[in-house]
Amino acid sequence: MLRGVVCTALAWMTFFALVAEVGASRATVFTYVNPTVAVFLGVILLGEPFSAATVVGFPLFVVGGGCPRVAGCPIPCTITSRG
């Protein structure tokens, strides 16, 4: 359990240092890279299946996550504040 707490704390500190360095909007790009690396490492190192669902889901994940950051994207991106 101690190892989990230490690694999680280290990950959060690294992420917040990244946010301070490049800004919050650019730092969130990491959250789109992480699952990609996890899937490929799972397939290569752990022998997990690379199924049709992965092949279909990955492009949907990339487009859905990256599209709102691109000007002229057909997917509406609305930000509301509660106040």
C-alpha atoms as a PDB file:
ATOM      1  CA  MET A   1       0.000   0.000   0.000  1.00  0.00           C
ATOM      2  CA  LEU A   2       2.854   2.367   0.769  1.00  0.00           C
ATOM      3  CA  ARG A   3       4.233   1.897  -2.730  1.00  0.00           C
ATOM      4  CA  GLY A   4       0.849   2.788  -4.221  1.00  0.00           C
ATOM      5  CA  VAL A   5       0.573   5.943  -2.141  1.00  0.00           C
ATOM      6  CA  VAL A   6       4.128   7.048  -2.957  1.00  0.00           C
ATOM      7  CA  CYS A   7       3.742   6.375  -6.696  1.00  0.00           C
ATOM      8  CA  THR A   8       0.390   8.174  -6.804  1.00  0.00           C
ATOM      9  CA  ALA A   9       1.829  11.166  -4.958  1.00  0.00           C
ATOM     10  CA  LEU A  10       4.787  11.241  -7.342  1.00  0.00           C
ATOM     11  CA  ALA A  11       2.467  11.078 -10.359  1.00  0.00           C
ATOM     12  CA  TRP A  12       0.332  13.955  -9.066  1.00  0.00           C
ATOM     13  CA  MET A  13       3.381  16.089  -8.304  1.00  0.00           C
ATOM     14  CA  THR A  14       4.730  15.434 -11.799  1.00  0.00           C
ATOM     15  CA  PHE A  15       1.390  16.269 -13.398  1.00  0.00           C
ATOM     16  CA  PHE A  16       1.051  19.525 -11.464  1.00  0.00           C
ATOM     17  CA  ALA A  17       4.612  20.480 -12.425  1.00  0.00           C
ATOM     18  CA  LEU A  18       3.603  19.868 -16.042  1.00  0.00           C
ATOM     19  CA  VAL A  19       0.504  22.056 -15.595  1.00  0.00           C
ATOM     20  CA  ALA A  20       2.670  24.824 -14.148  1.00  0.00           C
ATOM     21  CA  GLU A  21       5.112  24.531 -17.044  1.00  0.00           C
ATOM     22  CA  VAL A  22       2.837  24.285 -20.098  1.00  0.00           C
ATOM     23  CA  GLY A  23      -0.618  25.258 -18.835  1.00  0.00           C
ATOM     24  CA  ALA A  24      -3.709  23.241 -18.035  1.00  0.00           C
ATOM     25  CA  SER A  25      -5.108  22.910 -21.547  1.00  0.00           C
ATOM     26  CA  ARG A  26      -1.870  21.548 -22.995  1.00  0.00           C
ATOM     27  CA  ALA A  27      -1.202  19.309 -20.000  1.00  0.00           C
ATOM     28  CA  THR A  28      -4.457  17.431 -20.524  1.00  0.00           C
ATOM     29  CA  VAL A  29      -3.104  16.088 -23.823  1.00  0.00           C
ATOM     30  CA  PHE A  30      -1.221  13.598 -21.662  1.00  0.00           C
ATOM     31  CA  THR A  31      -4.526  12.015 -20.689  1.00  0.00           C
ATOM     32  CA  TYR A  32      -5.037  11.079 -24.349  1.00  0.00           C
ATOM     33  CA  VAL A  33      -1.563   9.570 -24.685  1.00  0.00           C
ATOM     34  CA  ASN A  34      -1.723   7.473 -21.516  1.00  0.00           C
ATOM     35  CA  PRO A  35      -4.482   5.024 -22.593  1.00  0.00           C
ATOM     36  CA  THR A  36      -2.810   4.553 -25.960  1.00  0.00           C
ATOM     37  CA  VAL A  37       0.463   3.545 -24.342  1.00  0.00           C
ATOM     38  CA  ALA A  38      -1.391   1.344 -21.844  1.00  0.00           C
ATOM     39  CA  VAL A  39      -3.209  -0.568 -24.603  1.00  0.00           C
ATOM     40  CA  PHE A  40      -0.087  -1.166 -26.654  1.00  0.00           C
ATOM     41  CA  LEU A  41       2.006  -2.171 -23.644  1.00  0.00           C
ATOM     42  CA  GLY A  42      -0.772  -4.515 -22.529  1.00  0.00           C
ATOM     43  CA  VAL A  43      -0.795  -6.166 -25.949  1.00  0.00           C
ATOM     44  CA  ILE A  44       2.997  -6.396 -26.231  1.00  0.00           C
ATOM     45  CA  LEU A  45       4.053  -7.179 -22.657  1.00  0.00           C
ATOM     46  CA  LEU A  46       1.009  -8.934 -21.181  1.00  0.00           C
ATOM     47  CA  GLY A  47      -0.337 -10.670 -24.259  1.00  0.00           C
ATOM     48  CA  GLU A  48      -3.748  -9.036 -24.005  1.00  0.00           C
ATOM     49  CA  PRO A  49      -5.939  -9.398 -27.085  1.00  0.00           C
ATOM     50  CA  PHE A  50      -6.011  -6.609 -29.664  1.00  0.00           C
ATOM     51  CA  SER A  51      -9.683  -6.935 -30.546  1.00  0.00           C
ATOM     52  CA  ALA A  52     -11.940  -5.310 -33.107  1.00  0.00           C
ATOM     53  CA  ALA A  53     -13.420  -3.197 -30.317  1.00  0.00           C
ATOM     54  CA  THR A  54      -9.966  -1.738 -29.673  1.00  0.00           C
ATOM     55  CA  VAL A  55      -9.464  -1.015 -33.361  1.00  0.00           C
ATOM     56  CA  VAL A  56     -12.837   0.769 -33.571  1.00  0.00           C
ATOM     57  CA  GLY A  57     -12.674   2.429 -30.162  1.00  0.00           C
ATOM     58  CA  PHE A  58      -9.216   3.950 -30.415  1.00  0.00           C
ATOM     59  CA  PRO A  59      -9.977   6.345 -33.304  1.00  0.00           C
ATOM     60  CA  LEU A  60     -13.244   7.327 -31.626  1.00  0.00           C
ATOM     61  CA  PHE A  61     -11.317   8.083 -28.454  1.00  0.00           C
ATOM     62  CA  VAL A  62      -8.737  10.205 -30.286  1.00  0.00           C
ATOM     63  CA  VAL A  63     -11.286  12.140 -32.359  1.00  0.00           C
ATOM     64  CA  GLY A  64     -13.638  12.676 -29.427  1.00  0.00           C
ATOM     65  CA  GLY A  65     -10.874  13.913 -27.186  1.00  0.00           C
ATOM     66  CA  GLY A  66      -8.948  16.033 -29.650  1.00  0.00           C
ATOM     67  CA  CYS A  67     -11.684  17.424 -31.854  1.00  0.00           C
ATOM     68  CA  PRO A  68     -13.029  20.095 -29.488  1.00  0.00           C
ATOM     69  CA  ARG A  69      -9.547  21.663 -29.425  1.00  0.00           C
ATOM     70  CA  VAL A  70      -9.553  22.158 -33.212  1.00  0.00           C
ATOM     71  CA  ALA A  71     -11.193  25.223 -34.777  1.00  0.00           C
ATOM     72  CA  GLY A  72     -14.164  24.328 -36.949  1.00  0.00           C
ATOM     73  CA  CYS A  73     -14.814  21.004 -35.266  1.00  0.00           C
ATOM     74  CA  PRO A  74     -18.380  19.775 -35.859  1.00  0.00           C
ATOM     75  CA  ILE A  75     -18.656  18.533 -32.272  1.00  0.00           C
ATOM     76  CA  PRO A  76     -19.970  21.347 -30.069  1.00  0.00           C
ATOM     77  CA  CYS A  77     -17.847  22.224 -27.078  1.00  0.00           C
ATOM     78  CA  THR A  78     -19.633  24.320 -24.521  1.00  0.00           C
ATOM     79  CA  ILE A  79     -18.161  25.360 -21.237  1.00  0.00           C
ATOM     80  CA  THR A  80     -20.504  26.569 -18.567  1.00  0.00           C
ATOM     81  CA  SER A  81     -19.654  27.933 -15.186  1.00  0.00           C
ATOM     82  CA  ARG A  82     -21.636  27.403 -12.081  1.00  0.00           C
ATOM     83  CA  GLY A  83     -21.901  30.385 -10.026  1.00  0.00           C
END
